[in-house]
Amino acid sequence: MAAEVVITDGSENMLPSIVDFYSARDVFITGATGFMGKCLLEKLLRSVPDLGSVFVLTRAKKGKSPEQRTKELLSSPLFERLRSEQPGAVDKVVPVFGDIQEKQLGMRREDQEMLQDRVSIVFHLAATVRFESPLREALTKNVASVSELITLCHGMKHLKSMVHVSSAYSQCNRTGVIDEVHYQTPLPPSKLLGLLDWMTDEQLETLAPTLSSGYPNTYTFTKALAEQVIMDEAKVCQYPSTDLPSLEPVSTNLWRYVLYIRRIFRNLQCACMFESFLFEH
């Protein structure tokens, strides 16, 4: 039996349960077709019966449309229990055409406006996890996409939480004790993203070892830059502890940006309401 977990807002105020928090709220997920994204999607649908719609950013791939890819995802063995216990739950999943490599995440204007009108909770899991991705690809997928998503979130009328999935390796250039605090990157992300507009791929690759000095690869380098984007553009950032998240009062009305550090599955906790939620069963 899982231990009962009580979460407060830093005072004596009790926060609502996970189910209460998510009930009747719409969610937007990037990276839902990836390993972690699939687990997140299945658990949300199965554990929150009154969950609103779940919009998943999906691109066409290998001749398959976003709708076809989403249908295949929901037909996979991972969702077998959900289909058996709650057959109608998969109908809540709505593919939204887009691509994290594109400006404005490659979304149509009408889809952006729809998300801004409806979504309360955002999970950003999409990224390239290849250690040796070319610098242009890594900057575009792991850094620029975060900035584009934050811009989208700033227009969301009902936003409660935006969760960015980072990496436990984002500060691997440091030695000794690495605290769960933000560490300033040597170079501002905006300057590096600006290079994409006028440098060739060959020029970027020539500069890559110098720009990412101290990091073993482009993956860890760009994940650190993404954390800097969160600090620069999201205004409010909170870090979970290694066990359960402790919440501090936020200074902005609806903005509760959480930098979610990926730590083995036992710590797969997302933002203020996930507790020990994903891998409980």
C-alpha atoms as a PDB file:
ATOM      1  CA  MET A   1       0.000   0.000   0.000  1.00  0.00           C
ATOM      2  CA  ALA A   2       1.370   3.397  -0.956  1.00  0.00           C
ATOM      3  CA  ALA A   3       2.018   5.800   1.893  1.00  0.00           C
ATOM      4  CA  GLU A   4      -0.346   8.728   2.165  1.00  0.00           C
ATOM      5  CA  VAL A   5       1.310  11.926   1.043  1.00  0.00           C
ATOM      6  CA  VAL A   6       0.255  15.361   2.204  1.00  0.00           C
ATOM      7  CA  ILE A   7       1.353  18.379   0.197  1.00  0.00           C
ATOM      8  CA  THR A   8       0.956  21.962   1.319  1.00  0.00           C
ATOM      9  CA  ASP A   9       1.679  25.300  -0.278  1.00  0.00           C
ATOM     10  CA  GLY A  10       4.351  26.154   2.287  1.00  0.00           C
ATOM     11  CA  SER A  11       1.838  27.333   4.864  1.00  0.00           C
ATOM     12  CA  GLU A  12      -0.832  25.360   6.681  1.00  0.00           C
ATOM     13  CA  ASN A  13      -3.031  25.261   3.604  1.00  0.00           C
ATOM     14  CA  MET A  14      -3.756  21.807   2.234  1.00  0.00           C
ATOM     15  CA  LEU A  15      -3.529  21.482  -1.511  1.00  0.00           C
ATOM     16  CA  PRO A  16      -6.175  19.451  -3.365  1.00  0.00           C
ATOM     17  CA  SER A  17      -5.569  15.807  -4.157  1.00  0.00           C
ATOM     18  CA  ILE A  18      -4.060  14.783  -7.460  1.00  0.00           C
ATOM     19  CA  VAL A  19      -7.405  13.707  -8.848  1.00  0.00           C
ATOM     20  CA  ASP A  20      -9.092  16.919  -7.720  1.00  0.00           C
ATOM     21  CA  PHE A  21      -6.344  19.043  -9.212  1.00  0.00           C
ATOM     22  CA  TYR A  22      -6.546  17.442 -12.649  1.00  0.00           C
ATOM     23  CA  SER A  23     -10.326  16.932 -12.779  1.00  0.00           C
ATOM     24  CA  ALA A  24     -12.046  18.812 -15.591  1.00  0.00           C
ATOM     25  CA  ARG A  25      -8.756  20.382 -16.695  1.00  0.00           C
ATOM     26  CA  ASP A  26      -7.263  20.134 -20.160  1.00  0.00           C
ATOM     27  CA  VAL A  27      -3.620  19.104 -20.565  1.00  0.00           C
ATOM     28  CA  PHE A  28      -1.080  19.721 -23.326  1.00  0.00           C
ATOM     29  CA  ILE A  29       1.836  17.305 -23.739  1.00  0.00           C
ATOM     30  CA  THR A  30       4.828  17.437 -26.049  1.00  0.00           C
ATOM     31  CA  GLY A  31       6.771  14.212 -26.505  1.00  0.00           C
ATOM     32  CA  ALA A  32       3.786  11.980 -25.748  1.00  0.00           C
ATOM     33  CA  THR A  33       4.982   9.370 -28.234  1.00  0.00           C
ATOM     34  CA  GLY A  34       8.312   8.979 -26.433  1.00  0.00           C
ATOM     35  CA  PHE A  35       9.037   6.526 -23.637  1.00  0.00           C
ATOM     36  CA  MET A  36       8.361   8.818 -20.695  1.00  0.00           C
ATOM     37  CA  GLY A  37       5.541  10.605 -22.493  1.00  0.00           C
ATOM     38  CA  LYS A  38       3.647   7.367 -23.050  1.00  0.00           C
ATOM     39  CA  CYS A  39       3.849   6.481 -19.366  1.00  0.00           C
ATOM     40  CA  LEU A  40       2.685   9.940 -18.361  1.00  0.00           C
ATOM     41  CA  LEU A  41      -0.247   9.895 -20.772  1.00  0.00           C
ATOM     42  CA  GLU A  42      -1.438   6.441 -19.734  1.00  0.00           C
ATOM     43  CA  LYS A  43      -1.233   7.187 -16.023  1.00  0.00           C
ATOM     44  CA  LEU A  44      -3.052  10.494 -16.318  1.00  0.00           C
ATOM     45  CA  LEU A  45      -5.897   8.946 -18.295  1.00  0.00           C
ATOM     46  CA  ARG A  46      -6.222   5.936 -16.008  1.00  0.00           C
ATOM     47  CA  SER A  47      -5.911   7.706 -12.657  1.00  0.00           C
ATOM     48  CA  VAL A  48      -8.022  10.786 -13.306  1.00  0.00           C
ATOM     49  CA  PRO A  49     -11.458   9.664 -14.558  1.00  0.00           C
ATOM     50  CA  ASP A  50     -12.706  13.238 -14.890  1.00  0.00           C
ATOM     51  CA  LEU A  51      -9.642  14.506 -16.722  1.00  0.00           C
ATOM     52  CA  GLY A  52     -10.473  16.909 -19.529  1.00  0.00           C
ATOM     53  CA  SER A  53      -8.983  16.625 -22.994  1.00  0.00           C
ATOM     54  CA  VAL A  54      -5.316  15.751 -23.469  1.00  0.00           C
ATOM     55  CA  PHE A  55      -3.795  17.515 -26.457  1.00  0.00           C
ATOM     56  CA  VAL A  56      -0.623  15.856 -27.738  1.00  0.00           C
ATOM     57  CA  LEU A  57       1.768  17.634 -30.079  1.00  0.00           C
ATOM     58  CA  THR A  58       2.479  15.177 -32.879  1.00  0.00           C
ATOM     59  CA  ARG A  59       4.221  15.478 -36.209  1.00  0.00           C
ATOM     60  CA  ALA A  60       3.798  13.421 -39.338  1.00  0.00           C
ATOM     61  CA  LYS A  61       6.485  10.739 -39.539  1.00  0.00           C
ATOM     62  CA  LYS A  62       7.389   7.966 -41.972  1.00  0.00           C
ATOM     63  CA  GLY A  63       4.308   8.628 -44.081  1.00  0.00           C
ATOM     64  CA  LYS A  64       1.939   8.541 -41.116  1.00  0.00           C
ATOM     65  CA  SER A  65      -0.241  11.477 -40.107  1.00  0.00           C
ATOM     66  CA  PRO A  66      -0.453  12.731 -36.501  1.00  0.00           C
ATOM     67  CA  GLU A  67      -3.863  11.093 -36.247  1.00  0.00           C
ATOM     68  CA  GLN A  68      -2.509   7.726 -37.400  1.00  0.00           C
ATOM     69  CA  ARG A  69       0.453   7.903 -35.027  1.00  0.00           C
ATOM     70  CA  THR A  70      -1.789   8.790 -32.091  1.00  0.00           C
ATOM     71  CA  LYS A  71      -4.152   5.931 -32.909  1.00  0.00           C
ATOM     72  CA  GLU A  72      -1.230   3.505 -33.004  1.00  0.00           C
ATOM     73  CA  LEU A  73       0.067   4.853 -29.706  1.00  0.00           C
ATOM     74  CA  LEU A  74      -3.265   4.327 -27.973  1.00  0.00           C
ATOM     75  CA  SER A  75      -3.541   0.814 -29.454  1.00  0.00           C
ATOM     76  CA  SER A  76      -0.222  -0.276 -27.959  1.00  0.00           C
ATOM     77  CA  PRO A  77      -0.021  -2.813 -25.084  1.00  0.00           C
ATOM     78  CA  LEU A  78       0.761  -0.042 -22.597  1.00  0.00           C
ATOM     79  CA  PHE A  79      -2.837   1.180 -22.860  1.00  0.00           C
ATOM     80  CA  GLU A  80      -4.430  -2.285 -22.654  1.00  0.00           C
ATOM     81  CA  ARG A  81      -5.498  -1.887 -19.015  1.00  0.00           C
ATOM     82  CA  LEU A  82      -6.926   1.550 -19.724  1.00  0.00           C
ATOM     83  CA  ARG A  83      -8.883   0.291 -22.725  1.00  0.00           C
ATOM     84  CA  SER A  84     -10.258  -2.545 -20.601  1.00  0.00           C
ATOM     85  CA  GLU A  85     -11.218  -0.525 -17.530  1.00  0.00           C
ATOM     86  CA  GLN A  86     -12.143   2.804 -19.144  1.00  0.00           C
ATOM     87  CA  PRO A  87     -12.793   2.282 -22.860  1.00  0.00           C
ATOM     88  CA  GLY A  88     -13.840   5.870 -23.464  1.00  0.00           C
ATOM     89  CA  ALA A  89     -10.750   7.422 -21.879  1.00  0.00           C
ATOM     90  CA  VAL A  90      -8.647   7.202 -25.037  1.00  0.00           C
ATOM     91  CA  ASP A  91     -11.178   9.442 -26.781  1.00  0.00           C
ATOM     92  CA  LYS A  92      -9.901  12.315 -24.630  1.00  0.00           C
ATOM     93  CA  VAL A  93      -6.588  12.294 -26.484  1.00  0.00           C
ATOM     94  CA  VAL A  94      -6.510  14.846 -29.304  1.00  0.00           C
ATOM     95  CA  PRO A  95      -3.520  15.057 -31.674  1.00  0.00           C
ATOM     96  CA  VAL A  96      -2.345  18.560 -32.491  1.00  0.00           C
ATOM     97  CA  PHE A  97      -0.157  18.875 -35.554  1.00  0.00           C
ATOM     98  CA  GLY A  98       3.214  20.419 -34.798  1.00  0.00           C
ATOM     99  CA  ASP A  99       6.974  19.977 -34.701  1.00  0.00           C
ATOM    100  CA  ILE A 100       9.380  21.216 -32.021  1.00  0.00           C
ATOM    101  CA  GLN A 101      11.951  21.956 -34.734  1.00  0.00           C
ATOM    102  CA  GLU A 102       9.757  24.678 -36.193  1.00  0.00           C
ATOM    103  CA  LYS A 103       8.972  28.238 -35.185  1.00  0.00           C
ATOM    104  CA  GLN A 104       5.883  28.420 -32.948  1.00  0.00           C
ATOM    105  CA  LEU A 105       6.286  24.636 -32.618  1.00  0.00           C
ATOM    106  CA  GLY A 106       4.984  24.280 -36.173  1.00  0.00           C
ATOM    107  CA  MET A 107       1.403  24.739 -35.031  1.00  0.00           C
ATOM    108  CA  ARG A 108      -1.424  26.390 -36.912  1.00  0.00           C
ATOM    109  CA  ARG A 109      -2.619  29.688 -35.493  1.00  0.00           C
ATOM    110  CA  GLU A 110      -6.076  28.281 -34.764  1.00  0.00           C
ATOM    111  CA  ASP A 111      -4.552  25.407 -32.766  1.00  0.00           C
ATOM    112  CA  GLN A 112      -2.437  27.817 -30.737  1.00  0.00           C
ATOM    113  CA  GLU A 113      -5.490  29.901 -29.899  1.00  0.00           C
ATOM    114  CA  MET A 114      -7.485  26.811 -28.967  1.00  0.00           C
ATOM    115  CA  LEU A 115      -4.772  25.652 -26.561  1.00  0.00           C
ATOM    116  CA  GLN A 116      -4.494  29.116 -25.038  1.00  0.00           C
ATOM    117  CA  ASP A 117      -8.245  29.162 -24.451  1.00  0.00           C
ATOM    118  CA  ARG A 118      -8.479  25.704 -22.908  1.00  0.00           C
ATOM    119  CA  VAL A 119      -5.259  24.289 -21.435  1.00  0.00           C
ATOM    120  CA  SER A 120      -4.423  24.487 -17.712  1.00  0.00           C
ATOM    121  CA  ILE A 121      -1.441  22.123 -17.447  1.00  0.00           C
ATOM    122  CA  VAL A 122       1.508  21.722 -19.805  1.00  0.00           C
ATOM    123  CA  PHE A 123       4.176  18.999 -19.885  1.00  0.00           C
ATOM    124  CA  HIS A 124       7.192  19.505 -22.138  1.00  0.00           C
ATOM    125  CA  LEU A 125       8.944  16.178 -22.677  1.00  0.00           C
ATOM    126  CA  ALA A 126       9.888  16.447 -26.349  1.00  0.00           C
ATOM    127  CA  ALA A 127      13.633  16.667 -26.982  1.00  0.00           C
ATOM    128  CA  THR A 128      16.491  15.016 -28.742  1.00  0.00           C
ATOM    129  CA  VAL A 129      18.242  12.682 -26.311  1.00  0.00           C
ATOM    130  CA  ARG A 130      21.059  11.740 -28.661  1.00  0.00           C
ATOM    131  CA  PHE A 131      24.301  12.657 -26.939  1.00  0.00           C
ATOM    132  CA  GLU A 132      26.065  13.607 -30.157  1.00  0.00           C
ATOM    133  CA  SER A 133      23.332  15.442 -32.060  1.00  0.00           C
ATOM    134  CA  PRO A 134      24.628  18.156 -34.390  1.00  0.00           C
ATOM    135  CA  LEU A 135      24.627  21.476 -32.578  1.00  0.00           C
ATOM    136  CA  ARG A 136      21.904  22.975 -34.766  1.00  0.00           C
ATOM    137  CA  GLU A 137      19.564  20.071 -34.088  1.00  0.00           C
ATOM    138  CA  ALA A 138      20.274  20.070 -30.345  1.00  0.00           C
ATOM    139  CA  LEU A 139      19.805  23.837 -30.002  1.00  0.00           C
ATOM    140  CA  THR A 140      16.598  23.772 -32.007  1.00  0.00           C
ATOM    141  CA  LYS A 141      14.969  20.805 -30.286  1.00  0.00           C
ATOM    142  CA  ASN A 142      16.237  21.257 -26.738  1.00  0.00           C
ATOM    143  CA  VAL A 143      16.477  25.031 -26.366  1.00  0.00           C
ATOM    144  CA  ALA A 144      14.464  26.917 -28.971  1.00  0.00           C
ATOM    145  CA  SER A 145      11.447  24.664 -28.387  1.00  0.00           C
ATOM    146  CA  VAL A 146      11.408  25.607 -24.702  1.00  0.00           C
ATOM    147  CA  SER A 147      11.347  29.292 -25.573  1.00  0.00           C
ATOM    148  CA  GLU A 148       8.582  28.752 -28.123  1.00  0.00           C
ATOM    149  CA  LEU A 149       6.521  26.784 -25.612  1.00  0.00           C
ATOM    150  CA  ILE A 150       6.913  29.436 -22.921  1.00  0.00           C
ATOM    151  CA  THR A 151       5.684  32.045 -25.390  1.00  0.00           C
ATOM    152  CA  LEU A 152       2.638  29.883 -26.052  1.00  0.00           C
ATOM    153  CA  CYS A 153       2.070  29.405 -22.325  1.00  0.00           C
ATOM    154  CA  HIS A 154       2.201  33.119 -21.633  1.00  0.00           C
ATOM    155  CA  GLY A 155      -1.011  33.396 -23.636  1.00  0.00           C
ATOM    156  CA  MET A 156      -2.834  30.595 -21.800  1.00  0.00           C
ATOM    157  CA  LYS A 157      -5.792  32.018 -19.910  1.00  0.00           C
ATOM    158  CA  HIS A 158      -6.139  29.187 -17.393  1.00  0.00           C
ATOM    159  CA  LEU A 159      -2.556  28.007 -16.927  1.00  0.00           C
ATOM    160  CA  LYS A 160      -1.765  26.441 -13.553  1.00  0.00           C
ATOM    161  CA  SER A 161       1.463  24.570 -14.223  1.00  0.00           C
ATOM    162  CA  MET A 162       4.076  24.215 -16.941  1.00  0.00           C
ATOM    163  CA  VAL A 163       6.481  21.319 -16.417  1.00  0.00           C
ATOM    164  CA  HIS A 164       9.763  21.128 -18.302  1.00  0.00           C
ATOM    165  CA  VAL A 165      11.575  17.794 -18.302  1.00  0.00           C
ATOM    166  CA  SER A 166      15.279  18.442 -17.911  1.00  0.00           C
ATOM    167  CA  SER A 167      18.111  15.995 -17.234  1.00  0.00           C
ATOM    168  CA  ALA A 168      20.067  14.886 -14.191  1.00  0.00           C
ATOM    169  CA  TYR A 169      23.137  15.450 -16.399  1.00  0.00           C
ATOM    170  CA  SER A 170      22.506  19.125 -17.125  1.00  0.00           C
ATOM    171  CA  GLN A 171      25.181  20.193 -14.613  1.00  0.00           C
ATOM    172  CA  CYS A 172      27.632  17.377 -15.270  1.00  0.00           C
ATOM    173  CA  ASN A 173      30.335  19.945 -16.017  1.00  0.00           C
ATOM    174  CA  ARG A 174      30.524  20.683 -12.290  1.00  0.00           C
ATOM    175  CA  THR A 175      32.440  18.794  -9.638  1.00  0.00           C
ATOM    176  CA  GLY A 176      31.708  18.156  -5.989  1.00  0.00           C
ATOM    177  CA  VAL A 177      28.248  18.688  -4.541  1.00  0.00           C
ATOM    178  CA  ILE A 178      25.694  19.901  -7.080  1.00  0.00           C
ATOM    179  CA  ASP A 179      22.788  21.561  -5.316  1.00  0.00           C
ATOM    180  CA  GLU A 180      19.254  21.690  -6.692  1.00  0.00           C
ATOM    181  CA  VAL A 181      19.541  25.343  -7.557  1.00  0.00           C
ATOM    182  CA  HIS A 182      19.880  27.131 -10.836  1.00  0.00           C
ATOM    183  CA  TYR A 183      23.391  27.530 -12.199  1.00  0.00           C
ATOM    184  CA  GLN A 184      23.972  30.305 -14.699  1.00  0.00           C
ATOM    185  CA  THR A 185      25.212  29.111 -18.074  1.00  0.00           C
ATOM    186  CA  PRO A 186      28.460  30.664 -19.368  1.00  0.00           C
ATOM    187  CA  LEU A 187      26.695  31.846 -22.528  1.00  0.00           C
ATOM    188  CA  PRO A 188      23.163  33.271 -22.807  1.00  0.00           C
ATOM    189  CA  PRO A 189      20.831  30.979 -24.780  1.00  0.00           C
ATOM    190  CA  SER A 190      19.530  33.893 -26.851  1.00  0.00           C
ATOM    191  CA  LYS A 191      22.998  34.549 -28.246  1.00  0.00           C
ATOM    192  CA  LEU A 192      23.471  30.918 -29.209  1.00  0.00           C
ATOM    193  CA  LEU A 193      20.023  30.664 -30.795  1.00  0.00           C
ATOM    194  CA  GLY A 194      20.877  33.771 -32.788  1.00  0.00           C
ATOM    195  CA  LEU A 195      23.743  31.888 -34.408  1.00  0.00           C
ATOM    196  CA  LEU A 196      21.242  29.569 -36.063  1.00  0.00           C
ATOM    197  CA  ASP A 197      19.999  32.428 -38.238  1.00  0.00           C
ATOM    198  CA  TRP A 198      23.249  33.107 -40.036  1.00  0.00           C
ATOM    199  CA  MET A 199      25.776  30.337 -39.460  1.00  0.00           C
ATOM    200  CA  THR A 200      26.033  27.267 -41.654  1.00  0.00           C
ATOM    201  CA  ASP A 201      25.943  23.783 -40.169  1.00  0.00           C
ATOM    202  CA  GLU A 202      29.655  23.431 -40.881  1.00  0.00           C
ATOM    203  CA  GLN A 203      30.452  26.656 -39.043  1.00  0.00           C
ATOM    204  CA  LEU A 204      28.364  25.592 -36.054  1.00  0.00           C
ATOM    205  CA  GLU A 205      30.090  22.227 -35.840  1.00  0.00           C
ATOM    206  CA  THR A 206      33.497  23.909 -35.990  1.00  0.00           C
ATOM    207  CA  LEU A 207      32.529  26.157 -33.068  1.00  0.00           C
ATOM    208  CA  ALA A 208      30.687  23.472 -31.091  1.00  0.00           C
ATOM    209  CA  PRO A 209      33.675  22.283 -28.972  1.00  0.00           C
ATOM    210  CA  THR A 210      34.425  25.861 -27.950  1.00  0.00           C
ATOM    211  CA  LEU A 211      30.818  26.862 -27.268  1.00  0.00           C
ATOM    212  CA  SER A 212      30.125  23.728 -25.227  1.00  0.00           C
ATOM    213  CA  SER A 213      33.461  23.724 -23.422  1.00  0.00           C
ATOM    214  CA  GLY A 214      33.206  21.755 -20.183  1.00  0.00           C
ATOM    215  CA  TYR A 215      30.250  19.645 -21.344  1.00  0.00           C
ATOM    216  CA  PRO A 216      30.869  16.165 -22.750  1.00  0.00           C
ATOM    217  CA  ASN A 217      28.302  16.450 -25.542  1.00  0.00           C
ATOM    218  CA  THR A 218      25.621  18.625 -27.113  1.00  0.00           C
ATOM    219  CA  TYR A 219      22.837  16.901 -25.165  1.00  0.00           C
ATOM    220  CA  THR A 220      24.029  17.958 -21.707  1.00  0.00           C
ATOM    221  CA  PHE A 221      25.063  21.383 -23.011  1.00  0.00           C
ATOM    222  CA  THR A 222      21.671  22.188 -24.514  1.00  0.00           C
ATOM    223  CA  LYS A 223      19.777  20.792 -21.515  1.00  0.00           C
ATOM    224  CA  ALA A 224      21.671  23.255 -19.323  1.00  0.00           C
ATOM    225  CA  LEU A 225      20.780  26.042 -21.745  1.00  0.00           C
ATOM    226  CA  ALA A 226      17.125  25.030 -21.585  1.00  0.00           C
ATOM    227  CA  GLU A 227      17.175  25.485 -17.811  1.00  0.00           C
ATOM    228  CA  GLN A 228      18.565  28.971 -18.374  1.00  0.00           C
ATOM    229  CA  VAL A 229      15.699  29.703 -20.768  1.00  0.00           C
ATOM    230  CA  ILE A 230      13.269  28.724 -18.027  1.00  0.00           C
ATOM    231  CA  MET A 231      14.936  31.151 -15.635  1.00  0.00           C
ATOM    232  CA  ASP A 232      15.134  33.952 -18.170  1.00  0.00           C
ATOM    233  CA  GLU A 233      11.686  33.692 -19.715  1.00  0.00           C
ATOM    234  CA  ALA A 234       9.390  31.943 -17.247  1.00  0.00           C
ATOM    235  CA  LYS A 235      10.094  34.309 -14.332  1.00  0.00           C
ATOM    236  CA  VAL A 236       9.280  31.748 -11.634  1.00  0.00           C
ATOM    237  CA  CYS A 237      11.104  28.449 -11.222  1.00  0.00           C
ATOM    238  CA  GLN A 238      10.894  25.844  -8.462  1.00  0.00           C
ATOM    239  CA  TYR A 239      12.938  22.711  -7.954  1.00  0.00           C
ATOM    240  CA  PRO A 240      11.617  19.462  -6.485  1.00  0.00           C
ATOM    241  CA  SER A 241      13.503  17.773  -3.687  1.00  0.00           C
ATOM    242  CA  THR A 242      14.888  14.290  -4.246  1.00  0.00           C
ATOM    243  CA  ASP A 243      11.798  12.810  -2.634  1.00  0.00           C
ATOM    244  CA  LEU A 244       8.695  14.977  -2.694  1.00  0.00           C
ATOM    245  CA  PRO A 245       8.280  18.482  -4.036  1.00  0.00           C
ATOM    246  CA  SER A 246       8.143  21.264  -1.501  1.00  0.00           C
ATOM    247  CA  LEU A 247       6.113  24.200  -2.698  1.00  0.00           C
ATOM    248  CA  GLU A 248       6.916  27.818  -2.098  1.00  0.00           C
ATOM    249  CA  PRO A 249       4.412  30.628  -2.621  1.00  0.00           C
ATOM    250  CA  VAL A 250       4.605  31.941  -6.171  1.00  0.00           C
ATOM    251  CA  SER A 251       4.771  35.613  -6.930  1.00  0.00           C
ATOM    252  CA  THR A 252       2.789  35.509 -10.142  1.00  0.00           C
ATOM    253  CA  ASN A 253      -0.923  34.761 -10.070  1.00  0.00           C
ATOM    254  CA  LEU A 254      -1.214  31.715 -12.298  1.00  0.00           C
ATOM    255  CA  TRP A 255       2.412  31.015 -13.158  1.00  0.00           C
ATOM    256  CA  ARG A 256       3.953  28.060 -11.401  1.00  0.00           C
ATOM    257  CA  TYR A 257       6.908  27.075 -13.543  1.00  0.00           C
ATOM    258  CA  VAL A 258       8.688  24.027 -12.295  1.00  0.00           C
ATOM    259  CA  LEU A 259      12.029  22.831 -13.565  1.00  0.00           C
ATOM    260  CA  TYR A 260      11.542  19.096 -13.363  1.00  0.00           C
ATOM    261  CA  ILE A 261      14.831  17.216 -13.114  1.00  0.00           C
ATOM    262  CA  ARG A 262      14.695  13.720 -14.548  1.00  0.00           C
ATOM    263  CA  ARG A 263      15.846  11.309 -11.834  1.00  0.00           C
ATOM    264  CA  ILE A 264      15.425   7.572 -12.152  1.00  0.00           C
ATOM    265  CA  PHE A 265      11.806   6.428 -12.212  1.00  0.00           C
ATOM    266  CA  ARG A 266      11.281   6.588  -8.457  1.00  0.00           C
ATOM    267  CA  ASN A 267      11.526  10.369  -8.714  1.00  0.00           C
ATOM    268  CA  LEU A 268       9.367  10.798 -11.794  1.00  0.00           C
ATOM    269  CA  GLN A 269       7.235  13.531 -10.217  1.00  0.00           C
ATOM    270  CA  CYS A 270       5.795  16.370 -12.170  1.00  0.00           C
ATOM    271  CA  ALA A 271       5.139  19.858 -10.803  1.00  0.00           C
ATOM    272  CA  CYS A 272       2.996  20.544  -7.814  1.00  0.00           C
ATOM    273  CA  MET A 273       0.468  17.729  -7.964  1.00  0.00           C
ATOM    274  CA  PHE A 274       2.175  14.532  -9.094  1.00  0.00           C
ATOM    275  CA  GLU A 275       3.350  13.095  -5.756  1.00  0.00           C
ATOM    276  CA  SER A 276       4.489   9.455  -6.166  1.00  0.00           C
ATOM    277  CA  PHE A 277       1.991   9.263  -8.993  1.00  0.00           C
ATOM    278  CA  LEU A 278       3.321   7.790 -12.190  1.00  0.00           C
ATOM    279  CA  PHE A 279       4.736   4.454 -11.169  1.00  0.00           C
ATOM    280  CA  GLU A 280       2.554   3.670  -8.182  1.00  0.00           C
ATOM    281  CA  HIS A 281       1.064   0.651  -9.997  1.00  0.00           C
END
